[in-house]
Amino acid sequence: MAAQYESDSDDSIPEIDISLRVNVQPYQYEPVVLRDSSPLPENDSESEISEDQSDECPSPSDMQWCSCGNCIAMPTRRESKCCHAFSTIVPRLEEMGLSCITDHEGFVANCLNRWVLETSYYEYIQDNGPLEEGELIHRVYRHLGYRRFVRWIWQRLGKNNRKVLPSCVVTKIRNCFPSQQFCGFKYPS
């Protein structure tokens, strides 16, 4: 009876090489979002802007794209979007009767509150490991503020799931957590 048990277990249990070194990376186990199965709403699509236009810097007088009055000209046209240009943000503006998403109490509580960002920071380092030596906390809080905004509006974060944030949001978070040098929106390489 013991021999029969051994032969059954040999077929069903795969061999595991325990000598492999574990190398966990952020978003390594995130499911890949298929763009074809869940198309973006028309207003959130980035296909409206051609590649030639996306790298041009809008002139200071070209601010017709801003409807809230809190946007500034960003380095690229792709980044120069107002909160009113996103169909997922408009309902949040309408529910509170606001002209800009940065005035929403949910934005202030989630993306600008130092204590909320500190808690997110602890979760972030637990998932991603310690920060590099000399990394400034304002830079980390800015990054976490952007992440929390994406989570609040689109409810999803993950590998290859990046969103261009409204200029007013980026400006407000940058003003709250300033730096000498900022990095604009980048797609993953």
Protein backbone atom coordinates (compact mmCIF):
# COMPACT_ATOMS: atom_id res chain seq x y z
CA MET A 1 0.00 0.00 0.00
CA ALA A 2 2.88 2.35 0.71
CA ALA A 3 4.37 1.64 -2.75
CA GLN A 4 1.13 2.62 -4.45
CA TYR A 5 1.04 5.90 -2.48
CA GLU A 6 4.63 6.74 -3.50
CA SER A 7 3.98 6.21 -7.21
CA ASP A 8 0.87 8.41 -7.14
CA SER A 9 2.73 11.22 -5.41
CA ASP A 10 5.70 11.05 -7.82
CA ASP A 11 3.44 11.82 -10.79
CA SER A 12 1.50 14.67 -9.20
CA ILE A 13 4.22 16.61 -7.39
CA PRO A 14 6.59 18.59 -9.62
CA GLU A 15 10.23 18.88 -8.68
CA ILE A 16 11.26 22.28 -7.37
CA ASP A 17 14.74 23.70 -7.75
CA ILE A 18 15.32 25.43 -4.41
CA SER A 19 18.67 26.79 -5.52
CA LEU A 20 16.98 29.58 -7.54
CA ARG A 21 17.62 33.06 -6.23
CA VAL A 22 14.45 35.09 -5.62
CA ASN A 23 14.46 38.46 -7.35
CA VAL A 24 11.14 40.25 -6.80
CA GLN A 25 10.52 43.40 -8.83
CA PRO A 26 7.69 45.97 -8.46
CA TYR A 27 4.60 45.02 -10.48
CA GLN A 28 6.20 41.63 -11.27
CA TYR A 29 3.05 39.72 -10.39
CA GLU A 30 0.52 42.27 -11.68
CA PRO A 31 -1.77 41.06 -14.44
CA VAL A 32 -1.16 42.67 -17.82
CA VAL A 33 -3.97 44.98 -18.96
CA LEU A 34 -5.17 44.20 -22.45
CA ARG A 35 -6.00 47.45 -24.23
CA ASP A 36 -8.27 45.76 -26.82
CA SER A 37 -10.58 44.22 -24.23
CA SER A 38 -11.14 47.42 -22.25
CA PRO A 39 -10.93 50.48 -24.49
CA LEU A 40 -10.52 53.88 -22.88
CA PRO A 41 -13.38 56.39 -23.04
CA GLU A 42 -13.02 58.86 -25.91
CA ASN A 43 -11.98 61.79 -23.73
CA ASP A 44 -9.28 59.78 -21.97
CA SER A 45 -7.71 58.42 -25.15
CA GLU A 46 -4.26 59.65 -25.97
CA SER A 47 -4.64 58.75 -29.63
CA GLU A 48 -6.07 62.22 -30.33
CA ILE A 49 -2.57 63.65 -30.13
CA SER A 50 -0.15 62.61 -32.83
CA GLU A 51 3.43 61.75 -31.93
CA ASP A 52 4.67 64.92 -33.66
CA GLN A 53 2.43 67.13 -31.52
CA SER A 54 3.06 65.31 -28.24
CA ASP A 55 6.60 66.59 -27.85
CA GLU A 56 5.89 70.22 -28.76
CA CYS A 57 5.79 72.70 -25.93
CA PRO A 58 2.58 74.72 -25.95
CA SER A 59 3.12 78.45 -26.07
CA PRO A 60 2.12 80.41 -22.96
CA SER A 61 -0.72 82.08 -24.90
CA ASP A 62 -2.11 78.66 -25.94
CA MET A 63 -4.08 77.94 -22.74
CA GLN A 64 -7.49 77.26 -24.33
CA TRP A 65 -7.19 73.63 -23.20
CA CYS A 66 -7.58 74.69 -19.53
CA SER A 67 -11.16 75.00 -18.27
CA CYS A 68 -10.51 75.13 -14.52
CA GLY A 69 -8.12 78.09 -14.39
CA ASN A 70 -5.50 76.22 -12.32
CA CYS A 71 -3.46 74.61 -15.10
CA ILE A 72 -0.06 75.75 -16.29
CA ALA A 73 1.71 75.04 -19.57
CA MET A 74 3.48 71.72 -19.23
CA PRO A 75 6.63 70.61 -21.12
CA THR A 76 4.65 68.61 -23.71
CA ARG A 77 1.19 68.80 -25.27
CA ARG A 78 0.50 65.28 -23.96
CA GLU A 79 0.89 66.60 -20.40
CA SER A 80 -1.08 69.78 -21.06
CA LYS A 81 -4.53 68.50 -20.17
CA CYS A 82 -7.11 69.99 -17.85
CA CYS A 83 -9.10 67.96 -15.34
CA HIS A 84 -12.22 68.72 -17.44
CA ALA A 85 -10.70 66.76 -20.36
CA PHE A 86 -11.06 63.43 -18.50
CA SER A 87 -14.49 61.81 -18.54
CA THR A 88 -13.69 59.92 -15.32
CA ILE A 89 -13.00 63.16 -13.42
CA VAL A 90 -16.01 65.21 -14.59
CA PRO A 91 -18.56 63.32 -12.39
CA ARG A 92 -16.45 64.08 -9.31
CA LEU A 93 -16.45 67.77 -10.26
CA GLU A 94 -20.20 67.77 -10.81
CA GLU A 95 -21.01 65.98 -7.52
CA MET A 96 -19.43 68.81 -5.54
CA GLY A 97 -20.14 71.67 -7.98
CA LEU A 98 -16.42 72.42 -8.36
CA SER A 99 -14.49 74.01 -11.20
CA CYS A 100 -11.26 72.08 -10.50
CA ILE A 101 -10.51 68.62 -9.11
CA THR A 102 -7.77 70.09 -6.90
CA ASP A 103 -10.51 71.83 -4.86
CA HIS A 104 -12.25 68.50 -4.15
CA GLU A 105 -12.00 67.43 -0.51
CA GLY A 106 -11.13 63.90 -1.67
CA PHE A 107 -8.12 65.21 -3.60
CA VAL A 108 -6.88 67.26 -0.67
CA ALA A 109 -7.34 64.37 1.79
CA ASN A 110 -5.84 61.67 -0.45
CA CYS A 111 -3.09 63.44 -2.36
CA LEU A 112 -1.92 66.38 -0.24
CA ASN A 113 -2.38 65.24 3.36
CA ARG A 114 1.05 64.56 4.81
CA TRP A 115 -0.21 61.93 7.27
CA VAL A 116 -2.03 59.96 4.57
CA LEU A 117 1.07 60.08 2.37
CA GLU A 118 3.25 58.99 5.29
CA THR A 119 1.06 55.90 5.73
CA SER A 120 1.26 55.23 1.97
CA TYR A 121 5.02 55.64 2.26
CA TYR A 122 5.25 52.81 4.81
CA GLU A 123 3.18 50.57 2.56
CA TYR A 124 5.33 51.54 -0.43
CA ILE A 125 8.64 50.67 1.24
CA GLN A 126 7.13 47.43 2.55
CA ASP A 127 6.24 46.42 -1.02
CA ASN A 128 9.25 47.92 -2.85
CA GLY A 129 12.08 47.91 -0.33
CA PRO A 130 13.98 50.80 1.22
CA LEU A 131 14.61 54.06 -0.60
CA GLU A 132 17.92 54.87 -2.18
CA GLU A 133 20.36 56.67 0.06
CA GLY A 134 19.88 60.41 -0.08
CA GLU A 135 16.44 60.28 -1.74
CA LEU A 136 14.39 63.27 -0.63
CA ILE A 137 11.08 62.69 1.12
CA HIS A 138 9.36 65.42 -0.96
CA ARG A 139 10.17 63.48 -4.11
CA VAL A 140 8.68 60.33 -2.59
CA TYR A 141 5.57 62.18 -1.35
CA ARG A 142 5.07 63.68 -4.83
CA HIS A 143 5.28 60.22 -6.36
CA LEU A 144 2.85 58.83 -3.79
CA GLY A 145 0.48 61.77 -4.32
CA TYR A 146 0.38 60.99 -8.05
CA ARG A 147 -0.19 57.28 -7.33
CA ARG A 148 -3.00 58.02 -4.88
CA PHE A 149 -4.68 60.32 -7.42
CA VAL A 150 -4.58 57.56 -10.07
CA ARG A 151 -5.97 55.05 -7.56
CA TRP A 152 -8.73 57.49 -6.51
CA ILE A 153 -9.83 58.34 -10.05
CA TRP A 154 -9.11 55.19 -12.10
CA GLN A 155 -8.97 52.64 -9.22
CA ARG A 156 -6.07 50.81 -10.90
CA LEU A 157 -2.34 50.90 -10.73
CA GLY A 158 0.04 48.46 -12.30
CA LYS A 159 2.55 47.58 -14.93
CA ASN A 160 1.89 49.29 -18.29
CA ASN A 161 -1.13 51.06 -16.81
CA ARG A 162 0.06 54.65 -16.81
CA LYS A 163 -2.09 57.74 -17.02
CA VAL A 164 -1.26 61.31 -17.93
CA LEU A 165 -2.38 63.42 -14.98
CA PRO A 166 -4.15 66.76 -15.39
CA SER A 167 -1.84 69.75 -15.32
CA CYS A 168 -3.71 71.27 -12.37
CA VAL A 169 -3.17 68.09 -10.31
CA VAL A 170 0.54 67.89 -11.11
CA THR A 171 0.95 71.60 -10.33
CA LYS A 172 -0.86 71.38 -6.99
CA ILE A 173 1.14 68.34 -5.84
CA ARG A 174 4.42 69.93 -7.01
CA ASN A 175 3.61 73.14 -5.13
CA CYS A 176 2.85 71.16 -1.98
CA PHE A 177 6.02 69.02 -2.23
CA PRO A 178 8.55 71.19 -4.12
CA SER A 179 11.84 70.18 -5.70
CA GLN A 180 14.66 71.78 -7.64
CA GLN A 181 14.03 69.58 -10.68
CA PHE A 182 10.92 67.80 -11.92
CA CYS A 183 10.51 64.89 -14.31
CA GLY A 184 7.53 64.93 -16.67
CA PHE A 185 5.34 62.02 -17.76
CA LYS A 186 7.22 59.09 -19.24
CA TYR A 187 6.05 55.79 -20.63
CA PRO A 188 7.96 52.73 -19.42
CA SER A 189 10.88 51.70 -21.57
